[in-house]
N, C-alpha and C. Protein backbone atom coordinates (compact mmCIF):
# COMPACT_ATOMS: atom_id res chain seq x y z
N MET A 1 82.31 49.88 47.71
CA MET A 1 82.84 48.57 47.44
C MET A 1 84.30 48.47 47.89
N LYS A 2 85.07 49.54 47.63
CA LYS A 2 86.46 49.53 48.06
C LYS A 2 86.58 49.46 49.58
N LEU A 3 85.65 50.13 50.25
CA LEU A 3 85.66 50.13 51.71
C LEU A 3 85.38 48.73 52.26
N VAL A 4 84.51 48.00 51.61
CA VAL A 4 84.19 46.63 52.03
C VAL A 4 85.41 45.73 51.85
N ARG A 5 86.09 45.86 50.72
CA ARG A 5 87.30 45.06 50.48
C ARG A 5 88.39 45.39 51.49
N LEU A 6 88.56 46.66 51.75
CA LEU A 6 89.56 47.08 52.72
C LEU A 6 89.24 46.53 54.10
N PHE A 7 87.98 46.59 54.50
CA PHE A 7 87.55 46.06 55.79
C PHE A 7 87.78 44.54 55.85
N ALA A 8 87.45 43.82 54.78
CA ALA A 8 87.65 42.36 54.73
C ALA A 8 89.13 42.01 54.84
N ALA A 9 89.97 42.77 54.16
CA ALA A 9 91.41 42.53 54.22
C ALA A 9 91.93 42.78 55.63
N LEU A 10 91.45 43.83 56.27
CA LEU A 10 91.85 44.15 57.63
C LEU A 10 91.44 43.05 58.60
N VAL A 11 90.23 42.55 58.45
CA VAL A 11 89.76 41.44 59.30
C VAL A 11 90.62 40.20 59.09
N ALA A 12 90.95 39.90 57.85
CA ALA A 12 91.78 38.74 57.55
C ALA A 12 93.16 38.86 58.21
N VAL A 13 93.75 40.03 58.15
CA VAL A 13 95.06 40.26 58.77
C VAL A 13 94.98 40.08 60.28
N VAL A 14 93.95 40.61 60.90
CA VAL A 14 93.78 40.50 62.35
C VAL A 14 93.59 39.03 62.75
N VAL A 15 92.77 38.31 62.01
CA VAL A 15 92.54 36.89 62.31
C VAL A 15 93.82 36.09 62.17
N LEU A 16 94.56 36.30 61.10
CA LEU A 16 95.82 35.58 60.90
C LEU A 16 96.84 35.92 61.98
N ALA A 17 96.90 37.18 62.37
CA ALA A 17 97.84 37.58 63.42
C ALA A 17 97.46 36.94 64.75
N ALA A 18 96.18 36.80 65.02
CA ALA A 18 95.73 36.17 66.26
C ALA A 18 96.07 34.68 66.29
N CYS A 19 96.14 34.04 65.15
CA CYS A 19 96.48 32.62 65.07
C CYS A 19 97.96 32.37 65.29
N ASN A 20 98.78 33.37 65.17
CA ASN A 20 100.23 33.21 65.32
C ASN A 20 100.61 33.39 66.78
N ASP A 21 100.30 32.38 67.59
CA ASP A 21 100.59 32.43 69.01
C ASP A 21 101.78 31.53 69.28
N SER A 22 102.90 32.09 69.69
CA SER A 22 104.11 31.30 69.92
C SER A 22 103.95 30.35 71.09
N ALA A 23 102.90 30.50 71.90
CA ALA A 23 102.68 29.60 73.02
C ALA A 23 102.09 28.26 72.55
N LEU A 24 101.58 28.23 71.35
CA LEU A 24 101.02 26.98 70.83
C LEU A 24 102.14 26.03 70.43
N PRO A 25 101.96 24.72 70.67
CA PRO A 25 102.98 23.76 70.24
C PRO A 25 103.00 23.66 68.72
N PRO A 26 104.13 23.25 68.15
CA PRO A 26 104.19 23.11 66.70
C PRO A 26 103.23 22.02 66.23
N GLY A 27 102.78 22.14 65.00
CA GLY A 27 101.85 21.18 64.43
C GLY A 27 102.45 19.79 64.31
N ALA A 28 103.70 19.70 64.01
CA ALA A 28 104.39 18.41 63.91
C ALA A 28 105.82 18.60 64.38
N THR A 29 106.38 17.57 64.96
CA THR A 29 107.73 17.65 65.43
C THR A 29 108.55 16.61 64.69
N TYR A 30 109.76 16.96 64.35
CA TYR A 30 110.58 16.11 63.50
C TYR A 30 111.91 15.75 64.16
N SER A 31 112.53 14.75 63.60
CA SER A 31 113.86 14.35 64.01
C SER A 31 114.58 13.84 62.77
N SER A 32 115.82 13.39 62.94
CA SER A 32 116.55 12.84 61.80
C SER A 32 116.83 11.36 62.02
N PHE A 33 117.00 10.66 60.91
CA PHE A 33 117.28 9.23 60.91
C PHE A 33 118.39 8.99 59.89
N SER A 34 119.50 8.44 60.34
CA SER A 34 120.63 8.22 59.43
C SER A 34 121.28 6.90 59.76
N GLY A 35 122.23 6.52 58.92
CA GLY A 35 122.94 5.28 59.20
C GLY A 35 123.89 4.90 58.09
N VAL A 36 124.39 3.68 58.22
CA VAL A 36 125.30 3.12 57.24
C VAL A 36 124.88 1.68 56.96
N VAL A 37 125.02 1.27 55.71
CA VAL A 37 124.68 -0.08 55.29
C VAL A 37 125.97 -0.79 54.92
N LEU A 38 126.19 -1.99 55.52
CA LEU A 38 127.42 -2.74 55.32
C LEU A 38 127.15 -4.14 54.80
N ASP A 39 128.12 -4.70 54.09
CA ASP A 39 128.10 -6.10 53.68
C ASP A 39 128.39 -6.93 54.93
N ALA A 40 127.53 -7.90 55.25
CA ALA A 40 127.68 -8.68 56.48
C ALA A 40 128.97 -9.52 56.47
N GLY A 41 129.42 -9.97 55.31
CA GLY A 41 130.60 -10.82 55.24
C GLY A 41 131.92 -10.05 55.27
N THR A 42 131.95 -8.92 54.62
CA THR A 42 133.21 -8.17 54.50
C THR A 42 133.26 -6.93 55.38
N ASN A 43 132.11 -6.53 55.90
CA ASN A 43 131.99 -5.30 56.69
C ASN A 43 132.32 -4.05 55.87
N GLN A 44 132.26 -4.16 54.55
CA GLN A 44 132.49 -3.03 53.66
C GLN A 44 131.18 -2.29 53.40
N PRO A 45 131.24 -0.98 53.19
CA PRO A 45 130.02 -0.21 52.93
C PRO A 45 129.38 -0.62 51.60
N LEU A 46 128.06 -0.55 51.57
CA LEU A 46 127.31 -0.86 50.35
C LEU A 46 126.75 0.42 49.74
N ALA A 47 127.23 0.77 48.57
CA ALA A 47 126.71 1.93 47.84
C ALA A 47 125.45 1.53 47.09
N ASP A 48 124.58 2.48 46.87
CA ASP A 48 123.36 2.32 46.08
C ASP A 48 122.33 1.40 46.70
N ALA A 49 122.39 1.17 48.00
CA ALA A 49 121.32 0.43 48.69
C ALA A 49 120.13 1.39 48.84
N LEU A 50 118.95 0.85 48.76
CA LEU A 50 117.73 1.66 48.87
C LEU A 50 117.17 1.52 50.28
N VAL A 51 117.04 2.65 50.97
CA VAL A 51 116.46 2.69 52.32
C VAL A 51 115.10 3.36 52.20
N THR A 52 114.06 2.67 52.69
CA THR A 52 112.69 3.18 52.59
C THR A 52 112.09 3.30 53.99
N VAL A 53 111.54 4.47 54.29
CA VAL A 53 110.87 4.71 55.58
C VAL A 53 109.38 4.82 55.33
N ASP A 54 108.62 3.98 56.05
CA ASP A 54 107.15 4.00 55.98
C ASP A 54 106.61 3.95 54.55
N VAL A 55 107.26 3.25 53.68
CA VAL A 55 106.85 3.04 52.30
C VAL A 55 106.75 4.33 51.49
N VAL A 56 107.15 5.46 52.07
CA VAL A 56 106.99 6.75 51.40
C VAL A 56 108.31 7.45 51.13
N LEU A 57 109.16 7.53 52.12
CA LEU A 57 110.42 8.26 51.99
C LEU A 57 111.52 7.30 51.58
N THR A 58 112.35 7.70 50.62
CA THR A 58 113.44 6.84 50.17
C THR A 58 114.74 7.63 50.07
N ARG A 59 115.82 6.92 50.31
CA ARG A 59 117.17 7.45 50.11
C ARG A 59 118.02 6.31 49.57
N THR A 60 119.03 6.67 48.80
CA THR A 60 120.00 5.71 48.29
C THR A 60 121.32 5.98 48.99
N THR A 61 121.98 4.91 49.43
CA THR A 61 123.24 5.10 50.14
C THR A 61 124.31 5.63 49.20
N ASP A 62 125.24 6.42 49.78
CA ASP A 62 126.33 6.98 48.99
C ASP A 62 127.48 5.95 48.89
N ALA A 63 128.60 6.37 48.36
CA ALA A 63 129.74 5.47 48.16
C ALA A 63 130.27 4.90 49.47
N ASP A 64 130.01 5.59 50.59
CA ASP A 64 130.44 5.12 51.91
C ASP A 64 129.36 4.32 52.62
N GLY A 65 128.26 4.01 51.90
CA GLY A 65 127.17 3.24 52.48
C GLY A 65 126.26 4.05 53.40
N LYS A 66 126.41 5.37 53.40
CA LYS A 66 125.65 6.21 54.33
C LYS A 66 124.36 6.73 53.70
N PHE A 67 123.37 6.92 54.57
CA PHE A 67 122.10 7.54 54.17
C PHE A 67 121.68 8.51 55.27
N ASP A 68 120.80 9.45 54.91
CA ASP A 68 120.37 10.45 55.88
C ASP A 68 118.98 10.98 55.52
N PHE A 69 118.05 10.80 56.45
CA PHE A 69 116.74 11.42 56.36
C PHE A 69 116.78 12.56 57.37
N ARG A 70 116.86 13.77 56.90
CA ARG A 70 117.06 14.92 57.81
C ARG A 70 115.81 15.33 58.56
N SER A 71 114.66 14.95 58.05
CA SER A 71 113.43 15.40 58.70
C SER A 71 112.33 14.35 58.53
N ILE A 72 112.16 13.52 59.56
CA ILE A 72 111.04 12.58 59.56
C ILE A 72 110.18 12.90 60.78
N PRO A 73 108.88 12.67 60.68
CA PRO A 73 108.02 12.94 61.84
C PRO A 73 108.43 12.08 63.03
N SER A 74 108.44 12.68 64.20
CA SER A 74 108.78 11.90 65.39
C SER A 74 107.69 10.87 65.65
N GLY A 75 108.09 9.81 66.34
CA GLY A 75 107.15 8.74 66.66
C GLY A 75 107.66 7.42 66.09
N TYR A 76 106.74 6.49 65.93
CA TYR A 76 107.09 5.15 65.45
C TYR A 76 107.12 5.12 63.92
N PHE A 77 108.06 4.33 63.37
CA PHE A 77 108.14 4.17 61.92
C PHE A 77 108.77 2.83 61.58
N ASP A 78 108.54 2.38 60.37
CA ASP A 78 109.14 1.16 59.85
C ASP A 78 110.10 1.53 58.74
N TYR A 79 111.15 0.72 58.57
CA TYR A 79 112.04 0.95 57.44
C TYR A 79 112.59 -0.35 56.91
N THR A 80 112.93 -0.33 55.62
CA THR A 80 113.52 -1.48 54.95
C THR A 80 114.79 -1.03 54.23
N VAL A 81 115.67 -2.00 54.00
CA VAL A 81 116.90 -1.73 53.25
C VAL A 81 117.05 -2.83 52.21
N GLN A 82 117.28 -2.43 50.96
CA GLN A 82 117.43 -3.38 49.86
C GLN A 82 118.65 -3.02 49.04
N ALA A 83 119.34 -4.05 48.57
CA ALA A 83 120.47 -3.84 47.66
C ALA A 83 120.53 -5.03 46.72
N LYS A 84 120.89 -4.77 45.48
CA LYS A 84 120.95 -5.82 44.48
C LYS A 84 121.95 -6.90 44.91
N GLY A 85 121.50 -8.17 44.87
CA GLY A 85 122.34 -9.29 45.25
C GLY A 85 122.33 -9.61 46.73
N TYR A 86 121.53 -8.87 47.52
CA TYR A 86 121.47 -9.08 48.97
C TYR A 86 120.03 -9.34 49.41
N GLN A 87 119.90 -10.02 50.54
CA GLN A 87 118.58 -10.23 51.12
C GLN A 87 118.09 -8.90 51.70
N ALA A 88 116.83 -8.60 51.46
CA ALA A 88 116.24 -7.36 51.99
C ALA A 88 116.18 -7.42 53.52
N TYR A 89 116.32 -6.28 54.14
CA TYR A 89 116.25 -6.17 55.60
C TYR A 89 115.00 -5.39 55.98
N GLN A 90 114.15 -6.01 56.80
CA GLN A 90 112.96 -5.34 57.34
C GLN A 90 113.23 -5.09 58.82
N ALA A 91 113.40 -3.86 59.18
CA ALA A 91 113.72 -3.52 60.58
C ALA A 91 112.49 -3.67 61.45
N PRO A 92 112.71 -4.00 62.73
CA PRO A 92 111.57 -3.93 63.65
C PRO A 92 111.11 -2.47 63.75
N THR A 93 109.89 -2.26 64.15
CA THR A 93 109.39 -0.90 64.28
C THR A 93 110.34 -0.08 65.16
N SER A 94 110.70 1.09 64.66
CA SER A 94 111.65 1.96 65.35
C SER A 94 110.93 3.20 65.86
N HIS A 95 111.61 3.97 66.68
CA HIS A 95 111.01 5.17 67.26
C HIS A 95 112.05 6.28 67.32
N VAL A 96 111.62 7.49 66.96
CA VAL A 96 112.46 8.68 67.14
C VAL A 96 111.70 9.68 68.00
N ASP A 97 112.43 10.27 68.94
CA ASP A 97 111.86 11.32 69.78
C ASP A 97 112.13 12.66 69.11
N PRO A 98 111.28 13.65 69.37
CA PRO A 98 111.48 14.97 68.77
C PRO A 98 112.87 15.52 69.05
N GLY A 99 113.56 15.90 67.98
CA GLY A 99 114.87 16.51 68.11
C GLY A 99 116.00 15.59 68.54
N LYS A 100 115.74 14.29 68.67
CA LYS A 100 116.78 13.34 69.06
C LYS A 100 117.08 12.43 67.87
N PRO A 101 118.17 12.66 67.16
CA PRO A 101 118.50 11.87 65.98
C PRO A 101 118.69 10.39 66.30
N LEU A 102 118.36 9.56 65.34
CA LEU A 102 118.57 8.12 65.45
C LEU A 102 119.54 7.70 64.37
N ALA A 103 120.60 7.00 64.76
CA ALA A 103 121.60 6.48 63.81
C ALA A 103 121.67 4.97 63.96
N VAL A 104 121.70 4.26 62.83
CA VAL A 104 121.73 2.80 62.84
C VAL A 104 122.82 2.29 61.91
N THR A 105 123.22 1.05 62.14
CA THR A 105 124.11 0.32 61.22
C THR A 105 123.34 -0.92 60.81
N VAL A 106 123.21 -1.11 59.50
CA VAL A 106 122.49 -2.26 58.95
C VAL A 106 123.47 -3.11 58.17
N THR A 107 123.45 -4.41 58.41
CA THR A 107 124.29 -5.33 57.64
C THR A 107 123.39 -6.20 56.79
N LEU A 108 123.77 -6.33 55.52
CA LEU A 108 123.01 -7.16 54.58
C LEU A 108 123.84 -8.39 54.19
N SER A 109 123.13 -9.51 54.07
CA SER A 109 123.77 -10.77 53.67
C SER A 109 123.36 -11.12 52.25
N HIS A 110 124.23 -11.91 51.60
CA HIS A 110 123.92 -12.38 50.24
C HIS A 110 122.84 -13.42 50.28
């Protein structure tokens, strides 16, 4: 019985090692998406604005109005920006290429 377990473990190790081929492309490629949110009238940064990517990922802007998504899947995505007392912003569909960061400036109006 011990010999069978040892053989099964050895087979599992060999199979897993064979799957680790550095020539294969990565399963998913990522990039970063960041920006700043400003008041349209005063051009001042807006703290605590909510930035949502594809209805799943969220960040809140800091005191300088900045946000940062360090790792989002490359390709097309949608995002919205909301802040209390301001009209919500729905961005047109955006795109990030693998390893090429995207930075935006969003202005919100009352």
